[in-house]
């Protein structure tokens, strides 16, 4: 059932005229007349008695009009509730985030969110394993690194940099003046990176790439 047709019919009955109903609705009289006629075909009965001066509902039309008002009011209430829910979050928000980043960056945000929206409960799961949002029951997942191909919606919320470091003893035994000098040196790779052995360094406009 087309709710617009119910609204057009109710407006005609309330206004007692197709012309005045069209003015209230901000559409043409032809559209209102056409949609009400289609509504009468849908319900299989005459709802309005049309005269040159005024439009009157039939007995069936009066009964149907009362029902239409109830339906339209419930629809309006549903939209109002939805708008209120969108403005004031409620329910439970489930978030997954990596351990280190989650502890340092996500936890303070969750605390501020909970203070601002007390009707919303937040369940934060910290871990370095990749959680499938669909099967894991999560609403949002925060991930550090390169996002794999996915049908999920994603948005970048920040950037990160990688630093290559070594201990003092190692630095005393090996000398490296240029990034290329690092190739072949003992190296502990972070396998969580997309290409842990391929490093691109930044120095001014130069971005040399080294495979360890």
C-alpha atoms as a PDB file:
ATOM      1  CA  UNK A   1       0.000   0.000   0.000  1.00  0.00           C
ATOM      2  CA  UNK A   2       1.309   3.421  -0.955  1.00  0.00           C
ATOM      3  CA  UNK A   3       1.263   5.617   2.164  1.00  0.00           C
ATOM      4  CA  UNK A   4       1.360   8.758   0.037  1.00  0.00           C
ATOM      5  CA  UNK A   5      -2.060   7.875  -1.337  1.00  0.00           C
ATOM      6  CA  UNK A   6      -3.415   7.554   2.177  1.00  0.00           C
ATOM      7  CA  UNK A   7      -2.023  10.999   2.984  1.00  0.00           C
ATOM      8  CA  UNK A   8      -3.556  12.492  -0.172  1.00  0.00           C
ATOM      9  CA  UNK A   9      -6.951  10.940   0.573  1.00  0.00           C
ATOM     10  CA  UNK A  10      -6.898  12.142   4.192  1.00  0.00           C
ATOM     11  CA  UNK A  11      -5.959  15.652   3.052  1.00  0.00           C
ATOM     12  CA  UNK A  12      -8.891  15.746   0.602  1.00  0.00           C
ATOM     13  CA  UNK A  13     -11.353  14.650   3.267  1.00  0.00           C
ATOM     14  CA  UNK A  14      -9.985  17.162   5.785  1.00  0.00           C
ATOM     15  CA  UNK A  15      -9.968  20.010   3.264  1.00  0.00           C
ATOM     16  CA  UNK A  16     -13.221  19.031   1.546  1.00  0.00           C
ATOM     17  CA  UNK A  17     -11.649  19.838  -1.800  1.00  0.00           C
ATOM     18  CA  UNK A  18      -9.002  18.489  -4.152  1.00  0.00           C
ATOM     19  CA  UNK A  19      -7.791  22.029  -4.820  1.00  0.00           C
ATOM     20  CA  UNK A  20      -7.324  22.981  -1.155  1.00  0.00           C
ATOM     21  CA  UNK A  21      -5.751  19.601  -0.396  1.00  0.00           C
ATOM     22  CA  UNK A  22      -3.231  20.121  -3.227  1.00  0.00           C
ATOM     23  CA  UNK A  23      -2.384  23.578  -1.857  1.00  0.00           C
ATOM     24  CA  UNK A  24      -1.756  22.143   1.612  1.00  0.00           C
ATOM     25  CA  UNK A  25       0.398  19.347   0.220  1.00  0.00           C
ATOM     26  CA  UNK A  26       2.298  21.619  -2.147  1.00  0.00           C
ATOM     27  CA  UNK A  27       1.531  19.546  -5.253  1.00  0.00           C
ATOM     28  CA  UNK A  28      -0.802  19.848  -8.188  1.00  0.00           C
ATOM     29  CA  UNK A  29      -4.521  19.074  -8.058  1.00  0.00           C
ATOM     30  CA  UNK A  30      -4.068  16.587 -10.905  1.00  0.00           C
ATOM     31  CA  UNK A  31      -1.604  14.513  -8.877  1.00  0.00           C
ATOM     32  CA  UNK A  32      -3.902  14.404  -5.860  1.00  0.00           C
ATOM     33  CA  UNK A  33      -6.930  13.437  -7.979  1.00  0.00           C
ATOM     34  CA  UNK A  34      -4.966  10.759  -9.815  1.00  0.00           C
ATOM     35  CA  UNK A  35      -3.522   9.194  -6.656  1.00  0.00           C
ATOM     36  CA  UNK A  36      -6.879   9.147  -4.847  1.00  0.00           C
ATOM     37  CA  UNK A  37      -8.488   7.491  -7.899  1.00  0.00           C
ATOM     38  CA  UNK A  38      -5.757   4.816  -7.825  1.00  0.00           C
ATOM     39  CA  UNK A  39      -6.390   4.321  -4.117  1.00  0.00           C
ATOM     40  CA  UNK A  40     -10.071   3.700  -4.811  1.00  0.00           C
ATOM     41  CA  UNK A  41      -9.091   1.111  -7.428  1.00  0.00           C
ATOM     42  CA  UNK A  42      -6.742  -0.527  -4.939  1.00  0.00           C
ATOM     43  CA  UNK A  43      -9.410  -0.894  -2.248  1.00  0.00           C
ATOM     44  CA  UNK A  44     -12.119  -1.709  -4.762  1.00  0.00           C
ATOM     45  CA  UNK A  45     -14.718   0.778  -3.540  1.00  0.00           C
ATOM     46  CA  UNK A  46     -15.734   4.436  -3.870  1.00  0.00           C
ATOM     47  CA  UNK A  47     -14.325   6.548  -1.071  1.00  0.00           C
ATOM     48  CA  UNK A  48     -15.402  10.046  -2.161  1.00  0.00           C
ATOM     49  CA  UNK A  49     -18.520  11.637  -3.615  1.00  0.00           C
ATOM     50  CA  UNK A  50     -17.390  14.410  -5.943  1.00  0.00           C
ATOM     51  CA  UNK A  51     -19.612  17.440  -6.651  1.00  0.00           C
ATOM     52  CA  UNK A  52     -18.842  20.724  -8.338  1.00  0.00           C
ATOM     53  CA  UNK A  53     -18.613  22.542  -5.000  1.00  0.00           C
ATOM     54  CA  UNK A  54     -17.350  20.022  -2.470  1.00  0.00           C
ATOM     55  CA  UNK A  55     -16.033  16.513  -1.986  1.00  0.00           C
ATOM     56  CA  UNK A  56     -17.720  14.287   0.626  1.00  0.00           C
ATOM     57  CA  UNK A  57     -16.548  10.886   1.890  1.00  0.00           C
ATOM     58  CA  UNK A  58     -18.835   7.921   1.476  1.00  0.00           C
ATOM     59  CA  UNK A  59     -19.707   5.764   4.474  1.00  0.00           C
ATOM     60  CA  UNK A  60     -16.818   3.518   3.573  1.00  0.00           C
ATOM     61  CA  UNK A  61     -14.698   6.613   3.016  1.00  0.00           C
ATOM     62  CA  UNK A  62     -15.387   7.953   6.519  1.00  0.00           C
ATOM     63  CA  UNK A  63     -14.418   4.647   8.095  1.00  0.00           C
ATOM     64  CA  UNK A  64     -11.346   4.379   5.916  1.00  0.00           C
ATOM     65  CA  UNK A  65     -10.384   7.993   6.684  1.00  0.00           C
ATOM     66  CA  UNK A  66     -10.353   7.273  10.426  1.00  0.00           C
ATOM     67  CA  UNK A  67      -8.116   4.264   9.805  1.00  0.00           C
ATOM     68  CA  UNK A  68      -5.833   6.309   7.545  1.00  0.00           C
ATOM     69  CA  UNK A  69      -5.324   8.902  10.268  1.00  0.00           C
ATOM     70  CA  UNK A  70      -4.234   6.153  12.661  1.00  0.00           C
ATOM     71  CA  UNK A  71      -1.818   4.665  10.133  1.00  0.00           C
ATOM     72  CA  UNK A  72      -0.337   8.051   9.224  1.00  0.00           C
ATOM     73  CA  UNK A  73       0.065   8.983  12.886  1.00  0.00           C
ATOM     74  CA  UNK A  74       1.868   5.725  13.607  1.00  0.00           C
ATOM     75  CA  UNK A  75       4.152   6.290  10.629  1.00  0.00           C
ATOM     76  CA  UNK A  76       4.913   9.809  11.840  1.00  0.00           C
ATOM     77  CA  UNK A  77       5.610   8.503  15.348  1.00  0.00           C
ATOM     78  CA  UNK A  78       7.962   5.879  13.904  1.00  0.00           C
ATOM     79  CA  UNK A  79       9.914   8.533  12.004  1.00  0.00           C
ATOM     80  CA  UNK A  80      10.084  10.715  15.116  1.00  0.00           C
ATOM     81  CA  UNK A  81      11.401   7.809  17.188  1.00  0.00           C
ATOM     82  CA  UNK A  82      13.985   7.023  14.515  1.00  0.00           C
ATOM     83  CA  UNK A  83      15.118  10.644  14.362  1.00  0.00           C
ATOM     84  CA  UNK A  84      15.382  10.764  18.144  1.00  0.00           C
ATOM     85  CA  UNK A  85      17.382   7.537  18.198  1.00  0.00           C
ATOM     86  CA  UNK A  86      19.739   8.926  15.554  1.00  0.00           C
ATOM     87  CA  UNK A  87      20.243  12.092  17.598  1.00  0.00           C
ATOM     88  CA  UNK A  88      20.718  10.232  20.896  1.00  0.00           C
ATOM     89  CA  UNK A  89      22.466   6.839  20.517  1.00  0.00           C
ATOM     90  CA  UNK A  90      21.106   3.975  22.596  1.00  0.00           C
ATOM     91  CA  UNK A  91      21.820   0.268  22.838  1.00  0.00           C
ATOM     92  CA  UNK A  92      25.174  -1.495  22.738  1.00  0.00           C
ATOM     93  CA  UNK A  93      28.100  -0.536  20.482  1.00  0.00           C
ATOM     94  CA  UNK A  94      30.656  -3.338  20.046  1.00  0.00           C
ATOM     95  CA  UNK A  95      34.158  -2.261  18.989  1.00  0.00           C
ATOM     96  CA  UNK A  96      37.272  -4.307  18.211  1.00  0.00           C
ATOM     97  CA  UNK A  97      40.728  -2.695  18.216  1.00  0.00           C
ATOM     98  CA  UNK A  98      44.412  -3.758  18.404  1.00  0.00           C
ATOM     99  CA  UNK A  99      45.987  -3.959  21.879  1.00  0.00           C
ATOM    100  CA  UNK A 100      48.529  -1.137  21.756  1.00  0.00           C
ATOM    101  CA  UNK A 101      46.552   1.324  19.640  1.00  0.00           C
ATOM    102  CA  UNK A 102      43.341   0.461  21.431  1.00  0.00           C
ATOM    103  CA  UNK A 103      44.831   1.117  24.860  1.00  0.00           C
ATOM    104  CA  UNK A 104      46.463   4.414  23.937  1.00  0.00           C
ATOM    105  CA  UNK A 105      43.968   5.893  21.451  1.00  0.00           C
ATOM    106  CA  UNK A 106      40.613   4.097  21.530  1.00  0.00           C
ATOM    107  CA  UNK A 107      40.026   3.741  25.283  1.00  0.00           C
ATOM    108  CA  UNK A 108      40.046   7.531  25.926  1.00  0.00           C
ATOM    109  CA  UNK A 109      37.611   8.055  23.042  1.00  0.00           C
ATOM    110  CA  UNK A 110      35.297   5.334  24.358  1.00  0.00           C
ATOM    111  CA  UNK A 111      35.370   6.920  27.813  1.00  0.00           C
ATOM    112  CA  UNK A 112      34.460  10.328  26.366  1.00  0.00           C
ATOM    113  CA  UNK A 113      31.711   8.762  24.221  1.00  0.00           C
ATOM    114  CA  UNK A 114      30.187   6.978  27.217  1.00  0.00           C
ATOM    115  CA  UNK A 115      30.162  10.212  29.187  1.00  0.00           C
ATOM    116  CA  UNK A 116      28.468  12.107  26.358  1.00  0.00           C
ATOM    117  CA  UNK A 117      25.916   9.380  25.567  1.00  0.00           C
ATOM    118  CA  UNK A 118      25.112   7.579  28.851  1.00  0.00           C
ATOM    119  CA  UNK A 119      22.208   5.656  27.276  1.00  0.00           C
ATOM    120  CA  UNK A 120      24.651   3.869  24.965  1.00  0.00           C
ATOM    121  CA  UNK A 121      26.751   0.977  26.281  1.00  0.00           C
ATOM    122  CA  UNK A 122      30.160   0.286  24.706  1.00  0.00           C
ATOM    123  CA  UNK A 123      31.846  -3.132  24.637  1.00  0.00           C
ATOM    124  CA  UNK A 124      35.503  -2.742  23.602  1.00  0.00           C
ATOM    125  CA  UNK A 125      37.474  -5.886  22.694  1.00  0.00           C
ATOM    126  CA  UNK A 126      41.250  -5.448  22.469  1.00  0.00           C
ATOM    127  CA  UNK A 127      43.348  -8.019  20.627  1.00  0.00           C
ATOM    128  CA  UNK A 128      45.776  -8.362  17.754  1.00  0.00           C
ATOM    129  CA  UNK A 129      43.824 -11.092  15.974  1.00  0.00           C
ATOM    130  CA  UNK A 130      41.689  -9.948  13.043  1.00  0.00           C
ATOM    131  CA  UNK A 131      38.031 -10.370  13.995  1.00  0.00           C
ATOM    132  CA  UNK A 132      35.426 -10.986  11.332  1.00  0.00           C
ATOM    133  CA  UNK A 133      32.778  -8.353  11.937  1.00  0.00           C
ATOM    134  CA  UNK A 134      29.899 -10.472  10.646  1.00  0.00           C
ATOM    135  CA  UNK A 135      30.584 -13.630  12.640  1.00  0.00           C
ATOM    136  CA  UNK A 136      32.220 -11.872  15.585  1.00  0.00           C
ATOM    137  CA  UNK A 137      29.198  -9.742  16.389  1.00  0.00           C
ATOM    138  CA  UNK A 138      31.156  -6.482  16.127  1.00  0.00           C
ATOM    139  CA  UNK A 139      29.750  -3.173  14.892  1.00  0.00           C
ATOM    140  CA  UNK A 140      33.085  -1.433  14.319  1.00  0.00           C
ATOM    141  CA  UNK A 141      36.650  -2.684  13.952  1.00  0.00           C
ATOM    142  CA  UNK A 142      39.682  -0.396  14.145  1.00  0.00           C
ATOM    143  CA  UNK A 143      42.692  -1.823  12.339  1.00  0.00           C
ATOM    144  CA  UNK A 144      46.240  -0.600  11.916  1.00  0.00           C
ATOM    145  CA  UNK A 145      47.906  -1.313   8.595  1.00  0.00           C
ATOM    146  CA  UNK A 146      46.664  -2.046   5.114  1.00  0.00           C
ATOM    147  CA  UNK A 147      43.047  -3.081   4.776  1.00  0.00           C
ATOM    148  CA  UNK A 148      42.504  -6.270   2.827  1.00  0.00           C
ATOM    149  CA  UNK A 149      39.890  -6.372   0.089  1.00  0.00           C
ATOM    150  CA  UNK A 150      36.523  -6.218   1.777  1.00  0.00           C
ATOM    151  CA  UNK A 151      32.900  -5.449   1.038  1.00  0.00           C
ATOM    152  CA  UNK A 152      32.660  -3.589   4.343  1.00  0.00           C
ATOM    153  CA  UNK A 153      32.689   0.180   4.523  1.00  0.00           C
ATOM    154  CA  UNK A 154      36.025   1.590   5.650  1.00  0.00           C
ATOM    155  CA  UNK A 155      37.346   5.051   6.478  1.00  0.00           C
ATOM    156  CA  UNK A 156      40.882   6.136   7.266  1.00  0.00           C
ATOM    157  CA  UNK A 157      41.016   7.846  10.646  1.00  0.00           C
ATOM    158  CA  UNK A 158      44.766   8.373  10.863  1.00  0.00           C
ATOM    159  CA  UNK A 159      48.239   7.499   9.602  1.00  0.00           C
ATOM    160  CA  UNK A 160      51.297   5.862  11.117  1.00  0.00           C
ATOM    161  CA  UNK A 161      55.032   5.775  10.525  1.00  0.00           C
ATOM    162  CA  UNK A 162      57.502   2.915  10.873  1.00  0.00           C
ATOM    163  CA  UNK A 163      60.923   3.289  12.442  1.00  0.00           C
ATOM    164  CA  UNK A 164      63.865   0.918  12.079  1.00  0.00           C
ATOM    165  CA  UNK A 165      65.797   0.698  15.340  1.00  0.00           C
ATOM    166  CA  UNK A 166      68.715  -1.249  16.767  1.00  0.00           C
ATOM    167  CA  UNK A 167      70.469  -1.722  20.075  1.00  0.00           C
ATOM    168  CA  UNK A 168      73.619   0.169  21.104  1.00  0.00           C
ATOM    169  CA  UNK A 169      75.855  -2.909  20.738  1.00  0.00           C
ATOM    170  CA  UNK A 170      74.617  -3.581  17.229  1.00  0.00           C
ATOM    171  CA  UNK A 171      75.132   0.067  16.264  1.00  0.00           C
ATOM    172  CA  UNK A 172      78.729  -0.119  17.479  1.00  0.00           C
ATOM    173  CA  UNK A 173      79.521  -3.169  15.320  1.00  0.00           C
ATOM    174  CA  UNK A 174      77.808  -2.128  12.088  1.00  0.00           C
ATOM    175  CA  UNK A 175      77.990   1.158  10.231  1.00  0.00           C
ATOM    176  CA  UNK A 176      75.319   2.224   7.735  1.00  0.00           C
ATOM    177  CA  UNK A 177      75.591   5.583   6.006  1.00  0.00           C
ATOM    178  CA  UNK A 178      72.851   5.034   3.460  1.00  0.00           C
ATOM    179  CA  UNK A 179      69.620   3.037   3.550  1.00  0.00           C
ATOM    180  CA  UNK A 180      71.055   0.622   0.966  1.00  0.00           C
ATOM    181  CA  UNK A 181      73.795  -0.295   3.474  1.00  0.00           C
ATOM    182  CA  UNK A 182      71.156  -1.986   5.636  1.00  0.00           C
ATOM    183  CA  UNK A 183      70.484  -4.737   3.093  1.00  0.00           C
ATOM    184  CA  UNK A 184      71.872  -8.037   4.292  1.00  0.00           C
ATOM    185  CA  UNK A 185      72.278  -7.017   7.943  1.00  0.00           C
ATOM    186  CA  UNK A 186      70.687  -9.148  10.681  1.00  0.00           C
ATOM    187  CA  UNK A 187      67.076  -8.109  10.849  1.00  0.00           C
ATOM    188  CA  UNK A 188      64.013  -8.984  12.936  1.00  0.00           C
ATOM    189  CA  UNK A 189      60.904  -8.479  10.812  1.00  0.00           C
ATOM    190  CA  UNK A 190      57.436  -7.542  12.011  1.00  0.00           C
ATOM    191  CA  UNK A 191      55.332 -10.124  10.241  1.00  0.00           C
ATOM    192  CA  UNK A 192      52.176  -8.102  10.874  1.00  0.00           C
ATOM    193  CA  UNK A 193      53.265  -5.748   8.078  1.00  0.00           C
ATOM    194  CA  UNK A 194      52.081  -6.333   4.546  1.00  0.00           C
ATOM    195  CA  UNK A 195      55.658  -6.645   3.213  1.00  0.00           C
ATOM    196  CA  UNK A 196      57.869  -6.969   6.312  1.00  0.00           C
ATOM    197  CA  UNK A 197      61.145  -7.242   4.364  1.00  0.00           C
ATOM    198  CA  UNK A 198      60.508  -4.284   2.041  1.00  0.00           C
ATOM    199  CA  UNK A 199      61.229  -0.852   3.509  1.00  0.00           C
ATOM    200  CA  UNK A 200      60.790   2.552   1.923  1.00  0.00           C
ATOM    201  CA  UNK A 201      62.713   5.324   3.649  1.00  0.00           C
ATOM    202  CA  UNK A 202      61.914   9.045   3.524  1.00  0.00           C
ATOM    203  CA  UNK A 203      64.575  11.744   3.490  1.00  0.00           C
ATOM    204  CA  UNK A 204      63.545  14.996   1.856  1.00  0.00           C
ATOM    205  CA  UNK A 205      62.308  14.266  -1.634  1.00  0.00           C
ATOM    206  CA  UNK A 206      64.156  10.944  -1.808  1.00  0.00           C
ATOM    207  CA  UNK A 207      62.344   7.706  -0.961  1.00  0.00           C
ATOM    208  CA  UNK A 208      64.840   4.873  -1.412  1.00  0.00           C
ATOM    209  CA  UNK A 209      63.498   1.326  -1.109  1.00  0.00           C
ATOM    210  CA  UNK A 210      65.508  -1.455   0.518  1.00  0.00           C
ATOM    211  CA  UNK A 211      64.770  -5.172   0.704  1.00  0.00           C
ATOM    212  CA  UNK A 212      66.200  -6.574   3.897  1.00  0.00           C
END
